[in-house]
Amino acid sequence: MPHRPVQLSAVVPLLARHAAWRLTGSEAAGRGVVRALSSADPTTRTMAGMLLVRAGDRSRPLLREALAARQALPMVLPILADIGDQESRPALQALMRDPDATVAGAAREALRVLDARAKA
């Protein structure tokens, strides 16, 4: 697999938005981090996901907002599961029947993660 250079032009703004969100609680900055889940750059998407998971409960309202707007669902669903958002379960169950196979698969996997977390 060839090595892809990191696109600093995409990553630096993400890190700035994340810092602003964490330091000030700015919802606009937090939404910018969530929007990065839709980036064309895979490194930016991955970093945004990691930052949201690390933020834990603080990211929950922003992720639920993205879920309701159907924004970046293949990324949002596993993050909700990773932070243990059991309240998203009904939405995940409904999305298992989504016509988009990627979304349906992400919902199934997210439910598996939530089930495993509940048993732990």
PDB file of N, CA and C in Angstrom:
ATOM      1  N   MET A   1       0.850  -1.174   0.000  1.00  0.00           N
ATOM      2  CA  MET A   1       0.000   0.000   0.000  1.00  0.00           C
ATOM      3  C   MET A   1       0.899   1.241   0.000  1.00  0.00           C
ATOM      4  N   PRO A   2       0.701   2.159  -0.933  1.00  0.00           N
ATOM      5  CA  PRO A   2       1.546   3.348  -0.990  1.00  0.00           C
ATOM      6  C   PRO A   2       1.253   4.286   0.181  1.00  0.00           C
ATOM      7  N   HIS A   3       2.288   4.968   0.602  1.00  0.00           N
ATOM      8  CA  HIS A   3       2.172   5.929   1.701  1.00  0.00           C
ATOM      9  C   HIS A   3       1.547   7.224   1.182  1.00  0.00           C
ATOM     10  N   ARG A   4       0.498   7.682   1.879  1.00  0.00           N
ATOM     11  CA  ARG A   4      -0.156   8.944   1.512  1.00  0.00           C
ATOM     12  C   ARG A   4       0.295  10.030   2.474  1.00  0.00           C
ATOM     13  N   PRO A   5       0.750  11.153   1.956  1.00  0.00           N
ATOM     14  CA  PRO A   5       1.135  12.232   2.863  1.00  0.00           C
ATOM     15  C   PRO A   5      -0.106  12.849   3.515  1.00  0.00           C
ATOM     16  N   VAL A   6       0.071  13.313   4.737  1.00  0.00           N
ATOM     17  CA  VAL A   6      -1.013  13.967   5.456  1.00  0.00           C
ATOM     18  C   VAL A   6      -1.250  15.333   4.822  1.00  0.00           C
ATOM     19  N   GLN A   7      -2.507  15.663   4.583  1.00  0.00           N
ATOM     20  CA  GLN A   7      -2.860  16.964   4.008  1.00  0.00           C
ATOM     21  C   GLN A   7      -3.002  17.973   5.141  1.00  0.00           C
ATOM     22  N   LEU A   8      -1.916  18.664   5.432  1.00  0.00           N
ATOM     23  CA  LEU A   8      -1.943  19.625   6.534  1.00  0.00           C
ATOM     24  C   LEU A   8      -2.994  20.699   6.335  1.00  0.00           C
ATOM     25  N   SER A   9      -3.286  21.027   5.086  1.00  0.00           N
ATOM     26  CA  SER A   9      -4.296  22.060   4.820  1.00  0.00           C
ATOM     27  C   SER A   9      -5.677  21.629   5.302  1.00  0.00           C
ATOM     28  N   ALA A  10      -5.898  20.333   5.483  1.00  0.00           N
ATOM     29  CA  ALA A  10      -7.174  19.835   6.007  1.00  0.00           C
ATOM     30  C   ALA A  10      -7.086  19.563   7.502  1.00  0.00           C
ATOM     31  N   VAL A  11      -5.937  19.097   7.960  1.00  0.00           N
ATOM     32  CA  VAL A  11      -5.793  18.678   9.353  1.00  0.00           C
ATOM     33  C   VAL A  11      -5.652  19.870  10.300  1.00  0.00           C
ATOM     34  N   VAL A  12      -4.897  20.876   9.919  1.00  0.00           N
ATOM     35  CA  VAL A  12      -4.668  22.018  10.819  1.00  0.00           C
ATOM     36  C   VAL A  12      -5.977  22.715  11.186  1.00  0.00           C
ATOM     37  N   PRO A  13      -6.870  23.006  10.219  1.00  0.00           N
ATOM     38  CA  PRO A  13      -8.142  23.618  10.619  1.00  0.00           C
ATOM     39  C   PRO A  13      -8.965  22.712  11.555  1.00  0.00           C
ATOM     40  N   LEU A  14      -8.912  21.408  11.340  1.00  0.00           N
ATOM     41  CA  LEU A  14      -9.615  20.480  12.226  1.00  0.00           C
ATOM     42  C   LEU A  14      -9.079  20.607  13.646  1.00  0.00           C
ATOM     43  N   LEU A  15      -7.777  20.598  13.791  1.00  0.00           N
ATOM     44  CA  LEU A  15      -7.181  20.704  15.117  1.00  0.00           C
ATOM     45  C   LEU A  15      -7.505  22.042  15.773  1.00  0.00           C
ATOM     46  N   ALA A  16      -7.565  23.099  14.985  1.00  0.00           N
ATOM     47  CA  ALA A  16      -7.926  24.414  15.520  1.00  0.00           C
ATOM     48  C   ALA A  16      -9.375  24.424  15.996  1.00  0.00           C
ATOM     49  N   ARG A  17     -10.269  23.850  15.201  1.00  0.00           N
ATOM     50  CA  ARG A  17     -11.687  23.780  15.615  1.00  0.00           C
ATOM     51  C   ARG A  17     -11.836  22.939  16.877  1.00  0.00           C
ATOM     52  N   HIS A  18     -11.113  21.833  16.922  1.00  0.00           N
ATOM     53  CA  HIS A  18     -11.176  20.971  18.101  1.00  0.00           C
ATOM     54  C   HIS A  18     -10.695  21.726  19.348  1.00  0.00           C
ATOM     55  N   ALA A  19      -9.592  22.425  19.228  1.00  0.00           N
ATOM     56  CA  ALA A  19      -9.070  23.179  20.375  1.00  0.00           C
ATOM     57  C   ALA A  19     -10.071  24.243  20.824  1.00  0.00           C
ATOM     58  N   ALA A  20     -10.664  24.941  19.872  1.00  0.00           N
ATOM     59  CA  ALA A  20     -11.649  25.976  20.208  1.00  0.00           C
ATOM     60  C   ALA A  20     -12.856  25.351  20.909  1.00  0.00           C
ATOM     61  N   TRP A  21     -13.300  24.214  20.413  1.00  0.00           N
ATOM     62  CA  TRP A  21     -14.447  23.527  21.018  1.00  0.00           C
ATOM     63  C   TRP A  21     -14.127  23.084  22.441  1.00  0.00           C
ATOM     64  N   ARG A  22     -12.964  22.456  22.616  1.00  0.00           N
ATOM     65  CA  ARG A  22     -12.595  21.947  23.935  1.00  0.00           C
ATOM     66  C   ARG A  22     -12.346  23.073  24.936  1.00  0.00           C
ATOM     67  N   LEU A  23     -11.753  24.169  24.468  1.00  0.00           N
ATOM     68  CA  LEU A  23     -11.405  25.259  25.385  1.00  0.00           C
ATOM     69  C   LEU A  23     -12.575  26.179  25.701  1.00  0.00           C
ATOM     70  N   THR A  24     -13.437  26.409  24.716  1.00  0.00           N
ATOM     71  CA  THR A  24     -14.516  27.393  24.907  1.00  0.00           C
ATOM     72  C   THR A  24     -15.904  26.770  24.970  1.00  0.00           C
ATOM     73  N   GLY A  25     -16.022  25.530  24.533  1.00  0.00           N
ATOM     74  CA  GLY A  25     -17.345  24.910  24.481  1.00  0.00           C
ATOM     75  C   GLY A  25     -18.176  25.381  23.299  1.00  0.00           C
ATOM     76  N   SER A  26     -17.550  26.053  22.357  1.00  0.00           N
ATOM     77  CA  SER A  26     -18.252  26.577  21.188  1.00  0.00           C
ATOM     78  C   SER A  26     -18.895  25.443  20.383  1.00  0.00           C
ATOM     79  N   GLU A  27     -20.231  25.475  20.309  1.00  0.00           N
ATOM     80  CA  GLU A  27     -20.924  24.450  19.518  1.00  0.00           C
ATOM     81  C   GLU A  27     -20.577  24.564  18.042  1.00  0.00           C
ATOM     82  N   ALA A  28     -20.374  25.786  17.567  1.00  0.00           N
ATOM     83  CA  ALA A  28     -20.004  25.968  16.155  1.00  0.00           C
ATOM     84  C   ALA A  28     -18.681  25.274  15.860  1.00  0.00           C
ATOM     85  N   ALA A  29     -17.727  25.410  16.756  1.00  0.00           N
ATOM     86  CA  ALA A  29     -16.436  24.745  16.561  1.00  0.00           C
ATOM     87  C   ALA A  29     -16.607  23.229  16.650  1.00  0.00           C
ATOM     88  N   GLY A  30     -17.434  22.769  17.583  1.00  0.00           N
ATOM     89  CA  GLY A  30     -17.701  21.335  17.701  1.00  0.00           C
ATOM     90  C   GLY A  30     -18.358  20.783  16.457  1.00  0.00           C
ATOM     91  N   ARG A  31     -19.281  21.543  15.901  1.00  0.00           N
ATOM     92  CA  ARG A  31     -19.926  21.097  14.656  1.00  0.00           C
ATOM     93  C   ARG A  31     -18.907  21.018  13.524  1.00  0.00           C
ATOM     94  N   GLY A  32     -17.912  21.889  13.560  1.00  0.00           N
ATOM     95  CA  GLY A  32     -16.844  21.828  12.560  1.00  0.00           C
ATOM     96  C   GLY A  32     -16.061  20.529  12.656  1.00  0.00           C
ATOM     97  N   VAL A  33     -15.858  20.057  13.874  1.00  0.00           N
ATOM     98  CA  VAL A  33     -15.174  18.769  14.057  1.00  0.00           C
ATOM     99  C   VAL A  33     -16.049  17.651  13.488  1.00  0.00           C
ATOM    100  N   VAL A  34     -17.344  17.698  13.761  1.00  0.00           N
ATOM    101  CA  VAL A  34     -18.258  16.682  13.220  1.00  0.00           C
ATOM    102  C   VAL A  34     -18.288  16.752  11.688  1.00  0.00           C
ATOM    103  N   ARG A  35     -18.311  17.961  11.134  1.00  0.00           N
ATOM    104  CA  ARG A  35     -18.302  18.094   9.668  1.00  0.00           C
ATOM    105  C   ARG A  35     -17.062  17.460   9.051  1.00  0.00           C
ATOM    106  N   ALA A  36     -15.962  17.465   9.780  1.00  0.00           N
ATOM    107  CA  ALA A  36     -14.726  16.870   9.265  1.00  0.00           C
ATOM    108  C   ALA A  36     -14.872  15.362   9.046  1.00  0.00           C
ATOM    109  N   LEU A  37     -15.884  14.753   9.654  1.00  0.00           N
ATOM    110  CA  LEU A  37     -16.147  13.330   9.401  1.00  0.00           C
ATOM    111  C   LEU A  37     -16.544  13.079   7.951  1.00  0.00           C
ATOM    112  N   SER A  38     -16.930  14.131   7.239  1.00  0.00           N
ATOM    113  CA  SER A  38     -17.319  14.022   5.830  1.00  0.00           C
ATOM    114  C   SER A  38     -16.198  14.467   4.892  1.00  0.00           C
ATOM    115  N   SER A  39     -15.033  14.730   5.425  1.00  0.00           N
ATOM    116  CA  SER A  39     -13.914  15.214   4.618  1.00  0.00           C
ATOM    117  C   SER A  39     -13.550  14.227   3.514  1.00  0.00           C
ATOM    118  N   ALA A  40     -13.077  14.750   2.416  1.00  0.00           N
ATOM    119  CA  ALA A  40     -12.588  13.893   1.335  1.00  0.00           C
ATOM    120  C   ALA A  40     -11.271  13.228   1.727  1.00  0.00           C
ATOM    121  N   ASP A  41     -10.583  13.799   2.703  1.00  0.00           N
ATOM    122  CA  ASP A  41      -9.289  13.284   3.143  1.00  0.00           C
ATOM    123  C   ASP A  41      -9.490  12.234   4.239  1.00  0.00           C
ATOM    124  N   PRO A  42      -9.067  10.997   4.016  1.00  0.00           N
ATOM    125  CA  PRO A  42      -9.285   9.950   5.012  1.00  0.00           C
ATOM    126  C   PRO A  42      -8.568  10.209   6.336  1.00  0.00           C
ATOM    127  N   THR A  43      -7.417  10.851   6.301  1.00  0.00           N
ATOM    128  CA  THR A  43      -6.707  11.159   7.542  1.00  0.00           C
ATOM    129  C   THR A  43      -7.512  12.137   8.382  1.00  0.00           C
ATOM    130  N   THR A  44      -8.099  13.123   7.731  1.00  0.00           N
ATOM    131  CA  THR A  44      -8.914  14.106   8.443  1.00  0.00           C
ATOM    132  C   THR A  44     -10.140  13.435   9.046  1.00  0.00           C
ATOM    133  N   ARG A  45     -10.788  12.558   8.294  1.00  0.00           N
ATOM    134  CA  ARG A  45     -11.955  11.837   8.820  1.00  0.00           C
ATOM    135  C   ARG A  45     -11.575  11.017  10.049  1.00  0.00           C
ATOM    136  N   THR A  46     -10.472  10.299   9.946  1.00  0.00           N
ATOM    137  CA  THR A  46     -10.027   9.455  11.052  1.00  0.00           C
ATOM    138  C   THR A  46      -9.678  10.290  12.278  1.00  0.00           C
ATOM    139  N   MET A  47      -8.960  11.377  12.070  1.00  0.00           N
ATOM    140  CA  MET A  47      -8.590  12.240  13.198  1.00  0.00           C
ATOM    141  C   MET A  47      -9.825  12.841  13.854  1.00  0.00           C
ATOM    142  N   ALA A  48     -10.786  13.273  13.052  1.00  0.00           N
ATOM    143  CA  ALA A  48     -12.017  13.837  13.610  1.00  0.00           C
ATOM    144  C   ALA A  48     -12.725  12.789  14.463  1.00  0.00           C
ATOM    145  N   GLY A  49     -12.799  11.571  13.965  1.00  0.00           N
ATOM    146  CA  GLY A  49     -13.430  10.504  14.721  1.00  0.00           C
ATOM    147  C   GLY A  49     -12.712  10.239  16.031  1.00  0.00           C
ATOM    148  N   MET A  50     -11.397  10.195  15.998  1.00  0.00           N
ATOM    149  CA  MET A  50     -10.631   9.964  17.213  1.00  0.00           C
ATOM    150  C   MET A  50     -10.846  11.094  18.225  1.00  0.00           C
ATOM    151  N   LEU A  51     -10.869  12.319  17.751  1.00  0.00           N
ATOM    152  CA  LEU A  51     -11.069  13.457  18.647  1.00  0.00           C
ATOM    153  C   LEU A  51     -12.455  13.411  19.288  1.00  0.00           C
ATOM    154  N   LEU A  52     -13.449  13.035  18.516  1.00  0.00           N
ATOM    155  CA  LEU A  52     -14.816  12.955  19.053  1.00  0.00           C
ATOM    156  C   LEU A  52     -14.953  11.814  20.059  1.00  0.00           C
ATOM    157  N   VAL A  53     -14.331  10.684  19.789  1.00  0.00           N
ATOM    158  CA  VAL A  53     -14.376   9.568  20.733  1.00  0.00           C
ATOM    159  C   VAL A  53     -13.678   9.973  22.033  1.00  0.00           C
ATOM    160  N   ARG A  54     -12.527  10.598  21.911  1.00  0.00           N
ATOM    161  CA  ARG A  54     -11.796  11.016  23.115  1.00  0.00           C
ATOM    162  C   ARG A  54     -12.573  12.041  23.917  1.00  0.00           C
ATOM    163  N   ALA A  55     -13.395  12.844  23.255  1.00  0.00           N
ATOM    164  CA  ALA A  55     -14.201  13.841  23.965  1.00  0.00           C
ATOM    165  C   ALA A  55     -15.352  13.182  24.721  1.00  0.00           C
ATOM    166  N   GLY A  56     -15.693  11.960  24.347  1.00  0.00           N
ATOM    167  CA  GLY A  56     -16.700  11.191  25.067  1.00  0.00           C
ATOM    168  C   GLY A  56     -18.058  11.862  25.129  1.00  0.00           C
ATOM    169  N   ASP A  57     -18.576  11.980  26.350  1.00  0.00           N
ATOM    170  CA  ASP A  57     -19.926  12.521  26.546  1.00  0.00           C
ATOM    171  C   ASP A  57     -20.085  13.927  25.981  1.00  0.00           C
ATOM    172  N   ARG A  58     -19.010  14.669  25.946  1.00  0.00           N
ATOM    173  CA  ARG A  58     -19.095  16.039  25.433  1.00  0.00           C
ATOM    174  C   ARG A  58     -19.484  16.058  23.944  1.00  0.00           C
ATOM    175  N   SER A  59     -19.132  15.014  23.228  1.00  0.00           N
ATOM    176  CA  SER A  59     -19.449  14.963  21.798  1.00  0.00           C
ATOM    177  C   SER A  59     -20.856  14.425  21.517  1.00  0.00           C
ATOM    178  N   ARG A  60     -21.467  13.826  22.519  1.00  0.00           N
ATOM    179  CA  ARG A  60     -22.771  13.173  22.348  1.00  0.00           C
ATOM    180  C   ARG A  60     -23.825  14.073  21.696  1.00  0.00           C
ATOM    181  N   PRO A  61     -24.080  15.301  22.185  1.00  0.00           N
ATOM    182  CA  PRO A  61     -25.131  16.125  21.557  1.00  0.00           C
ATOM    183  C   PRO A  61     -24.827  16.458  20.092  1.00  0.00           C
ATOM    184  N   LEU A  62     -23.558  16.690  19.790  1.00  0.00           N
ATOM    185  CA  LEU A  62     -23.188  17.011  18.407  1.00  0.00           C
ATOM    186  C   LEU A  62     -23.371  15.795  17.498  1.00  0.00           C
ATOM    187  N   LEU A  63     -23.032  14.627  18.008  1.00  0.00           N
ATOM    188  CA  LEU A  63     -23.198  13.409  17.216  1.00  0.00           C
ATOM    189  C   LEU A  63     -24.665  13.068  17.019  1.00  0.00           C
ATOM    190  N   ARG A  64     -25.468  13.289  18.044  1.00  0.00           N
ATOM    191  CA  ARG A  64     -26.912  13.046  17.896  1.00  0.00           C
ATOM    192  C   ARG A  64     -27.517  14.020  16.885  1.00  0.00           C
ATOM    193  N   GLU A  65     -27.031  15.236  16.878  1.00  0.00           N
ATOM    194  CA  GLU A  65     -27.483  16.222  15.893  1.00  0.00           C
ATOM    195  C   GLU A  65     -27.116  15.747  14.481  1.00  0.00           C
ATOM    196  N   ALA A  66     -25.903  15.240  14.320  1.00  0.00           N
ATOM    197  CA  ALA A  66     -25.470  14.719  13.022  1.00  0.00           C
ATOM    198  C   ALA A  66     -26.297  13.498  12.626  1.00  0.00           C
ATOM    199  N   LEU A  67     -26.615  12.664  13.598  1.00  0.00           N
ATOM    200  CA  LEU A  67     -27.460  11.488  13.339  1.00  0.00           C
ATOM    201  C   LEU A  67     -28.826  11.926  12.820  1.00  0.00           C
ATOM    202  N   ALA A  68     -29.431  12.892  13.478  1.00  0.00           N
ATOM    203  CA  ALA A  68     -30.756  13.376  13.067  1.00  0.00           C
ATOM    204  C   ALA A  68     -30.711  13.995  11.670  1.00  0.00           C
ATOM    205  N   ALA A  69     -29.588  14.610  11.322  1.00  0.00           N
ATOM    206  CA  ALA A  69     -29.437  15.248  10.005  1.00  0.00           C
ATOM    207  C   ALA A  69     -28.902  14.279   8.950  1.00  0.00           C
ATOM    208  N   ARG A  70     -28.644  13.018   9.350  1.00  0.00           N
ATOM    209  CA  ARG A  70     -28.076  12.004   8.460  1.00  0.00           C
ATOM    210  C   ARG A  70     -26.732  12.440   7.896  1.00  0.00           C
ATOM    211  N   GLN A  71     -25.963  13.111   8.706  1.00  0.00           N
ATOM    212  CA  GLN A  71     -24.654  13.637   8.300  1.00  0.00           C
ATOM    213  C   GLN A  71     -23.571  12.609   8.621  1.00  0.00           C
ATOM    214  N   ALA A  72     -22.814  12.206   7.628  1.00  0.00           N
ATOM    215  CA  ALA A  72     -21.655  11.311   7.793  1.00  0.00           C
ATOM    216  C   ALA A  72     -22.008  10.057   8.604  1.00  0.00           C
ATOM    217  N   LEU A  73     -23.151   9.465   8.327  1.00  0.00           N
ATOM    218  CA  LEU A  73     -23.625   8.340   9.135  1.00  0.00           C
ATOM    219  C   LEU A  73     -22.636   7.183   9.257  1.00  0.00           C
ATOM    220  N   PRO A  74     -21.934   6.780   8.192  1.00  0.00           N
ATOM    221  CA  PRO A  74     -20.994   5.667   8.365  1.00  0.00           C
ATOM    222  C   PRO A  74     -19.889   5.961   9.375  1.00  0.00           C
ATOM    223  N   MET A  75     -19.619   7.214   9.640  1.00  0.00           N
ATOM    224  CA  MET A  75     -18.630   7.596  10.655  1.00  0.00           C
ATOM    225  C   MET A  75     -19.297   7.878  12.001  1.00  0.00           C
ATOM    226  N   VAL A  76     -20.442   8.525  11.980  1.00  0.00           N
ATOM    227  CA  VAL A  76     -21.118   8.922  13.210  1.00  0.00           C
ATOM    228  C   VAL A  76     -21.605   7.709  14.004  1.00  0.00           C
ATOM    229  N   LEU A  77     -22.159   6.721  13.339  1.00  0.00           N
ATOM    230  CA  LEU A  77     -22.748   5.574  14.041  1.00  0.00           C
ATOM    231  C   LEU A  77     -21.731   4.824  14.899  1.00  0.00           C
ATOM    232  N   PRO A  78     -20.567   4.474  14.360  1.00  0.00           N
ATOM    233  CA  PRO A  78     -19.607   3.775  15.222  1.00  0.00           C
ATOM    234  C   PRO A  78     -19.087   4.646  16.367  1.00  0.00           C
ATOM    235  N   ILE A  79     -19.014   5.942  16.156  1.00  0.00           N
ATOM    236  CA  ILE A  79     -18.545   6.817  17.233  1.00  0.00           C
ATOM    237  C   ILE A  79     -19.563   6.843  18.362  1.00  0.00           C
ATOM    238  N   LEU A  80     -20.839   6.916  18.019  1.00  0.00           N
ATOM    239  CA  LEU A  80     -21.875   6.851  19.053  1.00  0.00           C
ATOM    240  C   LEU A  80     -21.749   5.564  19.860  1.00  0.00           C
ATOM    241  N   ALA A  81     -21.476   4.466  19.180  1.00  0.00           N
ATOM    242  CA  ALA A  81     -21.303   3.193  19.885  1.00  0.00           C
ATOM    243  C   ALA A  81     -20.037   3.215  20.736  1.00  0.00           C
ATOM    244  N   ASP A  82     -18.959   3.750  20.193  1.00  0.00           N
ATOM    245  CA  ASP A  82     -17.698   3.787  20.925  1.00  0.00           C
ATOM    246  C   ASP A  82     -17.801   4.593  22.214  1.00  0.00           C
ATOM    247  N   ILE A  83     -18.635   5.627  22.224  1.00  0.00           N
ATOM    248  CA  ILE A  83     -18.789   6.411  23.453  1.00  0.00           C
ATOM    249  C   ILE A  83     -19.899   5.840  24.336  1.00  0.00           C
ATOM    250  N   GLY A  84     -20.523   4.742  23.893  1.00  0.00           N
ATOM    251  CA  GLY A  84     -21.517   4.046  24.709  1.00  0.00           C
ATOM    252  C   GLY A  84     -22.867   4.725  24.779  1.00  0.00           C
ATOM    253  N   ASP A  85     -23.278   5.363  23.707  1.00  0.00           N
ATOM    254  CA  ASP A  85     -24.560   6.081  23.699  1.00  0.00           C
ATOM    255  C   ASP A  85     -25.726   5.115  23.505  1.00  0.00           C
ATOM    256  N   GLN A  86     -26.155   4.490  24.587  1.00  0.00           N
ATOM    257  CA  GLN A  86     -27.255   3.529  24.531  1.00  0.00           C
ATOM    258  C   GLN A  86     -28.561   4.188  24.078  1.00  0.00           C
ATOM    259  N   GLU A  87     -28.706   5.491  24.301  1.00  0.00           N
ATOM    260  CA  GLU A  87     -29.938   6.179  23.897  1.00  0.00           C
ATOM    261  C   GLU A  87     -30.089   6.258  22.378  1.00  0.00           C
ATOM    262  N   SER A  88     -29.012   6.036  21.648  1.00  0.00           N
ATOM    263  CA  SER A  88     -29.097   6.054  20.182  1.00  0.00           C
ATOM    264  C   SER A  88     -29.574   4.711  19.622  1.00  0.00           C
ATOM    265  N   ARG A  89     -29.748   3.729  20.487  1.00  0.00           N
ATOM    266  CA  ARG A  89     -30.129   2.386  20.057  1.00  0.00           C
ATOM    267  C   ARG A  89     -31.362   2.359  19.140  1.00  0.00           C
ATOM    268  N   PRO A  90     -32.490   3.047  19.485  1.00  0.00           N
ATOM    269  CA  PRO A  90     -33.655   2.991  18.584  1.00  0.00           C
ATOM    270  C   PRO A  90     -33.335   3.515  17.177  1.00  0.00           C
ATOM    271  N   ALA A  91     -32.567   4.583  17.096  1.00  0.00           N
ATOM    272  CA  ALA A  91     -32.200   5.117  15.778  1.00  0.00           C
ATOM    273  C   ALA A  91     -31.310   4.129  15.031  1.00  0.00           C
ATOM    274  N   LEU A  92     -30.392   3.502  15.746  1.00  0.00           N
ATOM    275  CA  LEU A  92     -29.517   2.511  15.110  1.00  0.00           C
ATOM    276  C   LEU A  92     -30.316   1.318  14.601  1.00  0.00           C
ATOM    277  N   GLN A  93     -31.293   0.878  15.389  1.00  0.00           N
ATOM    278  CA  GLN A  93     -32.128  -0.246  14.959  1.00  0.00           C
ATOM    279  C   GLN A  93     -32.901   0.105  13.690  1.00  0.00           C
ATOM    280  N   ALA A  94     -33.403   1.327  13.618  1.00  0.00           N
ATOM    281  CA  ALA A  94     -34.121   1.754  12.412  1.00  0.00           C
ATOM    282  C   ALA A  94     -33.177   1.827  11.215  1.00  0.00           C
ATOM    283  N   LEU A  95     -31.945   2.274  11.449  1.00  0.00           N
ATOM    284  CA  LEU A  95     -30.987   2.422  10.350  1.00  0.00           C
ATOM    285  C   LEU A  95     -30.467   1.079   9.834  1.00  0.00           C
ATOM    286  N   MET A  96     -30.689   0.006  10.555  1.00  0.00           N
ATOM    287  CA  MET A  96     -30.298  -1.314  10.053  1.00  0.00           C
ATOM    288  C   MET A  96     -31.044  -1.650   8.765  1.00  0.00           C
ATOM    289  N   ARG A  97     -32.188  -0.989   8.550  1.00  0.00           N
ATOM    290  CA  ARG A  97     -32.989  -1.223   7.341  1.00  0.00           C
ATOM    291  C   ARG A  97     -32.793  -0.112   6.311  1.00  0.00           C
ATOM    292  N   ASP A  98     -31.758   0.704   6.492  1.00  0.00           N
ATOM    293  CA  ASP A  98     -31.504   1.807   5.566  1.00  0.00           C
ATOM    294  C   ASP A  98     -31.197   1.253   4.169  1.00  0.00           C
ATOM    295  N   PRO A  99     -31.696   1.926   3.121  1.00  0.00           N
ATOM    296  CA  PRO A  99     -31.405   1.451   1.757  1.00  0.00           C
ATOM    297  C   PRO A  99     -29.918   1.558   1.389  1.00  0.00           C
ATOM    298  N   ASP A 100     -29.184   2.404   2.080  1.00  0.00           N
ATOM    299  CA  ASP A 100     -27.741   2.512   1.842  1.00  0.00           C
ATOM    300  C   ASP A 100     -27.062   1.397   2.637  1.00  0.00           C
ATOM    301  N   ALA A 101     -26.491   0.448   1.938  1.00  0.00           N
ATOM    302  CA  ALA A 101     -25.880  -0.716   2.590  1.00  0.00           C
ATOM    303  C   ALA A 101     -24.764  -0.320   3.544  1.00  0.00           C
ATOM    304  N   THR A 102     -24.041   0.735   3.252  1.00  0.00           N
ATOM    305  CA  THR A 102     -22.962   1.184   4.132  1.00  0.00           C
ATOM    306  C   THR A 102     -23.531   1.667   5.460  1.00  0.00           C
ATOM    307  N   VAL A 103     -24.616   2.424   5.394  1.00  0.00           N
ATOM    308  CA  VAL A 103     -25.267   2.922   6.609  1.00  0.00           C
ATOM    309  C   VAL A 103     -25.852   1.757   7.401  1.00  0.00           C
ATOM    310  N   ALA A 104     -26.542   0.850   6.716  1.00  0.00           N
ATOM    311  CA  ALA A 104     -27.136  -0.305   7.397  1.00  0.00           C
ATOM    312  C   ALA A 104     -26.056  -1.145   8.089  1.00  0.00           C
ATOM    313  N   GLY A 105     -24.950  -1.358   7.413  1.00  0.00           N
ATOM    314  CA  GLY A 105     -23.851  -2.126   8.001  1.00  0.00           C
ATOM    315  C   GLY A 105     -23.239  -1.419   9.197  1.00  0.00           C
ATOM    316  N   ALA A 106     -23.081  -0.103   9.103  1.00  0.00           N
ATOM    317  CA  ALA A 106     -22.533   0.664  10.222  1.00  0.00           C
ATOM    318  C   ALA A 106     -23.478   0.614  11.420  1.00  0.00           C
ATOM    319  N   ALA A 107     -24.779   0.631  11.157  1.00  0.00           N
ATOM    320  CA  ALA A 107     -25.759   0.543  12.248  1.00  0.00           C
ATOM    321  C   ALA A 107     -25.688  -0.826  12.916  1.00  0.00           C
ATOM    322  N   ARG A 108     -25.589  -1.889  12.130  1.00  0.00           N
ATOM    323  CA  ARG A 108     -25.483  -3.240  12.706  1.00  0.00           C
ATOM    324  C   ARG A 108     -24.227  -3.366  13.578  1.00  0.00           C
ATOM    325  N   GLU A 109     -23.125  -2.873  13.058  1.00  0.00           N
ATOM    326  CA  GLU A 109     -21.868  -2.954  13.812  1.00  0.00           C
ATOM    327  C   GLU A 109     -21.935  -2.105  15.078  1.00  0.00           C
ATOM    328  N   ALA A 110     -22.534  -0.936  14.990  1.00  0.00           N
ATOM    329  CA  ALA A 110     -22.667  -0.072  16.170  1.00  0.00           C
ATOM    330  C   ALA A 110     -23.507  -0.762  17.244  1.00  0.00           C
ATOM    331  N   LEU A 111     -24.566  -1.443  16.839  1.00  0.00           N
ATOM    332  CA  LEU A 111     -25.389  -2.173  17.808  1.00  0.00           C
ATOM    333  C   LEU A 111     -24.603  -3.319  18.452  1.00  0.00           C
ATOM    334  N   ARG A 112     -23.764  -3.991  17.675  1.00  0.00           N
ATOM    335  CA  ARG A 112     -22.919  -5.049  18.245  1.00  0.00           C
ATOM    336  C   ARG A 112     -21.987  -4.473  19.314  1.00  0.00           C
ATOM    337  N   VAL A 113     -21.423  -3.301  19.021  1.00  0.00           N
ATOM    338  CA  VAL A 113     -20.528  -2.655  19.989  1.00  0.00           C
ATOM    339  C   VAL A 113     -21.288  -2.266  21.252  1.00  0.00           C
ATOM    340  N   LEU A 114     -22.474  -1.684  21.081  1.00  0.00           N
ATOM    341  CA  LEU A 114     -23.270  -1.311  22.249  1.00  0.00           C
ATOM    342  C   LEU A 114     -23.646  -2.540  23.080  1.00  0.00           C
ATOM    343  N   ASP A 115     -23.995  -3.636  22.413  1.00  0.00           N
ATOM    344  CA  ASP A 115     -24.326  -4.873  23.122  1.00  0.00           C
ATOM    345  C   ASP A 115     -23.123  -5.371  23.927  1.00  0.00           C
ATOM    346  N   ALA A 116     -21.947  -5.345  23.297  1.00  0.00           N
ATOM    347  CA  ALA A 116     -20.740  -5.804  23.980  1.00  0.00           C
ATOM    348  C   ALA A 116     -20.411  -4.909  25.176  1.00  0.00           C
ATOM    349  N   ARG A 117     -20.601  -3.612  25.008  1.00  0.00           N
ATOM    350  CA  ARG A 117     -20.330  -2.677  26.114  1.00  0.00           C
ATOM    351  C   ARG A 117     -21.313  -2.906  27.261  1.00  0.00           C
ATOM    352  N   ALA A 118     -22.565  -3.233  26.932  1.00  0.00           N
ATOM    353  CA  ALA A 118     -23.561  -3.452  27.970  1.00  0.00           C
ATOM    354  C   ALA A 118     -23.261  -4.716  28.779  1.00  0.00           C
ATOM    355  N   LYS A 119     -22.637  -5.695  28.138  1.00  0.00           N
ATOM    356  CA  LYS A 119     -22.307  -6.947  28.823  1.00  0.00           C
ATOM    357  C   LYS A 119     -21.018  -6.831  29.642  1.00  0.00           C
ATOM    358  N   ALA A 120     -20.188  -5.857  29.316  1.00  0.00           N
ATOM    359  CA  ALA A 120     -18.879  -5.722  29.999  1.00  0.00           C
ATOM    360  C   ALA A 120     -19.016  -5.165  31.385  1.00  0.00           C
TER     361      ALA A 120
END
